[in-house]
């Protein structure tokens, strides 16, 4: 389920970037960038901090 959630989050971030280009609103830009960083951090944390 992890990879599916990662790619779903990536898709949502890219869709937010498209909304930013359409509207020009900085809220879409910063929301999308922060969401992508959260998904990336979560993915890296799961990759390197997983139970062994």
PDB file of N, CA and C in Angstrom:
ATOM      1  N   UNK A   1       0.818  -1.193   0.000  1.00  0.00           N
ATOM      2  CA  UNK A   1       0.000   0.000   0.000  1.00  0.00           C
ATOM      3  C   UNK A   1       0.861   1.256   0.000  1.00  0.00           C
ATOM      4  N   UNK A   2       2.060   1.188   0.528  1.00  0.00           N
ATOM      5  CA  UNK A   2       2.951   2.336   0.622  1.00  0.00           C
ATOM      6  C   UNK A   2       3.255   3.001  -0.718  1.00  0.00           C
ATOM      7  N   UNK A   3       3.688   2.218  -1.727  1.00  0.00           N
ATOM      8  CA  UNK A   3       3.983   2.852  -3.019  1.00  0.00           C
ATOM      9  C   UNK A   3       2.758   3.508  -3.653  1.00  0.00           C
ATOM     10  N   UNK A   4       1.583   2.920  -3.454  1.00  0.00           N
ATOM     11  CA  UNK A   4       0.370   3.526  -4.010  1.00  0.00           C
ATOM     12  C   UNK A   4       0.083   4.872  -3.359  1.00  0.00           C
ATOM     13  N   UNK A   5       0.269   4.947  -2.049  1.00  0.00           N
ATOM     14  CA  UNK A   5       0.046   6.207  -1.333  1.00  0.00           C
ATOM     15  C   UNK A   5       1.065   7.255  -1.768  1.00  0.00           C
ATOM     16  N   UNK A   6       2.317   6.835  -1.974  1.00  0.00           N
ATOM     17  CA  UNK A   6       3.351   7.763  -2.425  1.00  0.00           C
ATOM     18  C   UNK A   6       3.002   8.361  -3.778  1.00  0.00           C
ATOM     19  N   UNK A   7       2.614   7.520  -4.719  1.00  0.00           N
ATOM     20  CA  UNK A   7       2.299   8.017  -6.056  1.00  0.00           C
ATOM     21  C   UNK A   7       0.999   8.818  -6.072  1.00  0.00           C
ATOM     22  N   UNK A   8       0.065   8.473  -5.204  1.00  0.00           N
ATOM     23  CA  UNK A   8      -1.157   9.278  -5.091  1.00  0.00           C
ATOM     24  C   UNK A   8      -0.820  10.668  -4.553  1.00  0.00           C
ATOM     25  N   UNK A   9       0.062  10.739  -3.576  1.00  0.00           N
ATOM     26  CA  UNK A   9       0.498  12.032  -3.052  1.00  0.00           C
ATOM     27  C   UNK A   9       1.257  12.833  -4.086  1.00  0.00           C
ATOM     28  N   UNK A  10       2.082  12.173  -4.862  1.00  0.00           N
ATOM     29  CA  UNK A  10       2.814  12.837  -5.935  1.00  0.00           C
ATOM     30  C   UNK A  10       1.852  13.391  -6.977  1.00  0.00           C
ATOM     31  N   UNK A  11       0.836  12.618  -7.313  1.00  0.00           N
ATOM     32  CA  UNK A  11      -0.168  13.066  -8.278  1.00  0.00           C
ATOM     33  C   UNK A  11      -0.922  14.277  -7.751  1.00  0.00           C
ATOM     34  N   UNK A  12      -1.291  14.261  -6.474  1.00  0.00           N
ATOM     35  CA  UNK A  12      -1.988  15.406  -5.889  1.00  0.00           C
ATOM     36  C   UNK A  12      -1.115  16.661  -5.904  1.00  0.00           C
ATOM     37  N   UNK A  13       0.177  16.494  -5.627  1.00  0.00           N
ATOM     38  CA  UNK A  13       1.092  17.635  -5.665  1.00  0.00           C
ATOM     39  C   UNK A  13       1.215  18.217  -7.053  1.00  0.00           C
ATOM     40  N   UNK A  14       1.308  17.358  -8.051  1.00  0.00           N
ATOM     41  CA  UNK A  14       1.420  17.831  -9.440  1.00  0.00           C
ATOM     42  C   UNK A  14       0.125  18.506  -9.874  1.00  0.00           C
ATOM     43  N   UNK A  15      -1.010  17.978  -9.436  1.00  0.00           N
ATOM     44  CA  UNK A  15      -2.288  18.612  -9.774  1.00  0.00           C
ATOM     45  C   UNK A  15      -2.388  19.991  -9.124  1.00  0.00           C
ATOM     46  N   UNK A  16      -1.875  20.123  -7.903  1.00  0.00           N
ATOM     47  CA  UNK A  16      -1.850  21.424  -7.243  1.00  0.00           C
ATOM     48  C   UNK A  16      -0.975  22.412  -7.984  1.00  0.00           C
ATOM     49  N   UNK A  17       0.149  21.931  -8.527  1.00  0.00           N
ATOM     50  CA  UNK A  17       1.015  22.799  -9.328  1.00  0.00           C
ATOM     51  C   UNK A  17       0.283  23.275 -10.580  1.00  0.00           C
ATOM     52  N   UNK A  18      -0.501  22.401 -11.185  1.00  0.00           N
ATOM     53  CA  UNK A  18      -1.301  22.802 -12.351  1.00  0.00           C
ATOM     54  C   UNK A  18      -2.329  23.855 -11.984  1.00  0.00           C
ATOM     55  N   UNK A  19      -2.954  23.715 -10.821  1.00  0.00           N
ATOM     56  CA  UNK A  19      -3.907  24.723 -10.349  1.00  0.00           C
ATOM     57  C   UNK A  19      -3.209  26.065 -10.130  1.00  0.00           C
ATOM     58  N   UNK A  20      -1.977  26.027  -9.628  1.00  0.00           N
ATOM     59  CA  UNK A  20      -1.224  27.265  -9.414  1.00  0.00           C
ATOM     60  C   UNK A  20      -0.974  27.962 -10.740  1.00  0.00           C
ATOM     61  N   UNK A  21      -0.629  27.205 -11.780  1.00  0.00           N
ATOM     62  CA  UNK A  21      -0.388  27.808 -13.087  1.00  0.00           C
ATOM     63  C   UNK A  21      -1.676  28.386 -13.663  1.00  0.00           C
ATOM     64  N   UNK A  22      -2.808  27.752 -13.388  1.00  0.00           N
ATOM     65  CA  UNK A  22      -4.090  28.252 -13.888  1.00  0.00           C
ATOM     66  C   UNK A  22      -4.511  29.528 -13.165  1.00  0.00           C
ATOM     67  N   UNK A  23      -4.395  29.529 -11.851  1.00  0.00           N
ATOM     68  CA  UNK A  23      -4.950  30.631 -11.063  1.00  0.00           C
ATOM     69  C   UNK A  23      -3.926  31.706 -10.730  1.00  0.00           C
ATOM     70  N   UNK A  24      -2.646  31.346 -10.641  1.00  0.00           N
ATOM     71  CA  UNK A  24      -1.613  32.295 -10.259  1.00  0.00           C
ATOM     72  C   UNK A  24      -1.604  32.581  -8.766  1.00  0.00           C
ATOM     73  N   UNK A  25      -2.380  31.840  -7.987  1.00  0.00           N
ATOM     74  CA  UNK A  25      -2.459  32.062  -6.546  1.00  0.00           C
ATOM     75  C   UNK A  25      -1.251  31.441  -5.844  1.00  0.00           C
ATOM     76  N   UNK A  26      -0.577  32.207  -4.991  1.00  0.00           N
ATOM     77  CA  UNK A  26       0.589  31.640  -4.282  1.00  0.00           C
ATOM     78  C   UNK A  26       0.206  30.541  -3.300  1.00  0.00           C
ATOM     79  N   UNK A  27      -1.062  30.499  -2.883  1.00  0.00           N
ATOM     80  CA  UNK A  27      -1.486  29.457  -1.948  1.00  0.00           C
ATOM     81  C   UNK A  27      -1.400  28.074  -2.578  1.00  0.00           C
ATOM     82  N   UNK A  28      -1.764  27.959  -3.852  1.00  0.00           N
ATOM     83  CA  UNK A  28      -1.648  26.677  -4.547  1.00  0.00           C
ATOM     84  C   UNK A  28      -0.187  26.277  -4.670  1.00  0.00           C
ATOM     85  N   UNK A  29       0.668  27.242  -4.964  1.00  0.00           N
ATOM     86  CA  UNK A  29       2.097  26.940  -5.125  1.00  0.00           C
ATOM     87  C   UNK A  29       2.704  26.442  -3.824  1.00  0.00           C
ATOM     88  N   UNK A  30       2.557  27.216  -2.748  1.00  0.00           N
ATOM     89  CA  UNK A  30       3.188  26.836  -1.486  1.00  0.00           C
ATOM     90  C   UNK A  30       2.525  25.608  -0.865  1.00  0.00           C
ATOM     91  N   UNK A  31       1.233  25.451  -1.072  1.00  0.00           N
ATOM     92  CA  UNK A  31       0.561  24.252  -0.587  1.00  0.00           C
ATOM     93  C   UNK A  31       1.060  23.007  -1.295  1.00  0.00           C
ATOM     94  N   UNK A  32       1.248  23.114  -2.608  1.00  0.00           N
ATOM     95  CA  UNK A  32       1.730  21.969  -3.384  1.00  0.00           C
ATOM     96  C   UNK A  32       3.169  21.637  -3.038  1.00  0.00           C
ATOM     97  N   UNK A  33       4.009  22.662  -2.897  1.00  0.00           N
ATOM     98  CA  UNK A  33       5.414  22.426  -2.561  1.00  0.00           C
ATOM     99  C   UNK A  33       5.528  21.797  -1.170  1.00  0.00           C
ATOM    100  N   UNK A  34       4.777  22.322  -0.200  1.00  0.00           N
ATOM    101  CA  UNK A  34       4.847  21.755   1.147  1.00  0.00           C
ATOM    102  C   UNK A  34       4.309  20.334   1.172  1.00  0.00           C
ATOM    103  N   UNK A  35       3.250  20.074   0.415  1.00  0.00           N
ATOM    104  CA  UNK A  35       2.697  18.721   0.358  1.00  0.00           C
ATOM    105  C   UNK A  35       3.709  17.745  -0.246  1.00  0.00           C
ATOM    106  N   UNK A  36       4.387  18.164  -1.318  1.00  0.00           N
ATOM    107  CA  UNK A  36       5.398  17.304  -1.929  1.00  0.00           C
ATOM    108  C   UNK A  36       6.554  17.043  -0.970  1.00  0.00           C
ATOM    109  N   UNK A  37       6.957  18.056  -0.205  1.00  0.00           N
ATOM    110  CA  UNK A  37       8.030  17.862   0.762  1.00  0.00           C
ATOM    111  C   UNK A  37       7.606  16.905   1.881  1.00  0.00           C
ATOM    112  N   UNK A  38       6.362  17.011   2.311  1.00  0.00           N
ATOM    113  CA  UNK A  38       5.860  16.107   3.350  1.00  0.00           C
ATOM    114  C   UNK A  38       5.843  14.668   2.832  1.00  0.00           C
ATOM    115  N   UNK A  39       5.353  14.482   1.610  1.00  0.00           N
ATOM    116  CA  UNK A  39       5.314  13.131   1.025  1.00  0.00           C
ATOM    117  C   UNK A  39       6.721  12.587   0.848  1.00  0.00           C
ATOM    118  N   UNK A  40       7.649  13.443   0.399  1.00  0.00           N
ATOM    119  CA  UNK A  40       9.034  13.008   0.222  1.00  0.00           C
ATOM    120  C   UNK A  40       9.657  12.634   1.562  1.00  0.00           C
ATOM    121  N   UNK A  41       9.447  13.460   2.579  1.00  0.00           N
ATOM    122  CA  UNK A  41       9.985  13.164   3.907  1.00  0.00           C
ATOM    123  C   UNK A  41       9.403  11.898   4.492  1.00  0.00           C
ATOM    124  N   UNK A  42       8.115  11.708   4.288  1.00  0.00           N
ATOM    125  CA  UNK A  42       7.451  10.516   4.777  1.00  0.00           C
ATOM    126  C   UNK A  42       8.007   9.266   4.082  1.00  0.00           C
ATOM    127  N   UNK A  43       8.190   9.376   2.770  1.00  0.00           N
ATOM    128  CA  UNK A  43       8.733   8.247   2.005  1.00  0.00           C
ATOM    129  C   UNK A  43      10.161   7.918   2.406  1.00  0.00           C
ATOM    130  N   UNK A  44      10.992   8.960   2.585  1.00  0.00           N
ATOM    131  CA  UNK A  44      12.374   8.726   2.986  1.00  0.00           C
ATOM    132  C   UNK A  44      12.447   8.195   4.411  1.00  0.00           C
ATOM    133  N   UNK A  45      11.584   8.692   5.274  1.00  0.00           N
ATOM    134  CA  UNK A  45      11.543   8.189   6.641  1.00  0.00           C
ATOM    135  C   UNK A  45      11.158   6.727   6.692  1.00  0.00           C
ATOM    136  N   UNK A  46      10.208   6.342   5.866  1.00  0.00           N
ATOM    137  CA  UNK A  46       9.789   4.944   5.821  1.00  0.00           C
ATOM    138  C   UNK A  46      10.889   4.073   5.214  1.00  0.00           C
ATOM    139  N   UNK A  47      11.627   4.647   4.259  1.00  0.00           N
ATOM    140  CA  UNK A  47      12.672   3.875   3.585  1.00  0.00           C
ATOM    141  C   UNK A  47      13.868   3.632   4.504  1.00  0.00           C
ATOM    142  N   UNK A  48      14.296   4.686   5.197  1.00  0.00           N
ATOM    143  CA  UNK A  48      15.513   4.573   6.005  1.00  0.00           C
ATOM    144  C   UNK A  48      15.243   4.300   7.481  1.00  0.00           C
ATOM    145  N   UNK A  49      14.036   4.592   7.957  1.00  0.00           N
ATOM    146  CA  UNK A  49      13.748   4.403   9.369  1.00  0.00           C
ATOM    147  C   UNK A  49      12.829   3.237   9.649  1.00  0.00           C
ATOM    148  N   UNK A  50      12.662   2.366   8.683  1.00  0.00           N
ATOM    149  CA  UNK A  50      11.748   1.240   8.850  1.00  0.00           C
ATOM    150  C   UNK A  50      12.262   0.238   9.879  1.00  0.00           C
ATOM    151  N   UNK A  51      11.361  -0.605  10.349  1.00  0.00           N
ATOM    152  CA  UNK A  51      11.747  -1.643  11.312  1.00  0.00           C
ATOM    153  C   UNK A  51      12.605  -2.684  10.613  1.00  0.00           C
ATOM    154  N   UNK A  52      13.589  -3.155  11.340  1.00  0.00           N
ATOM    155  CA  UNK A  52      14.492  -4.141  10.756  1.00  0.00           C
ATOM    156  C   UNK A  52      14.393  -5.460  11.487  1.00  0.00           C
TER     157      UNK A  52
END
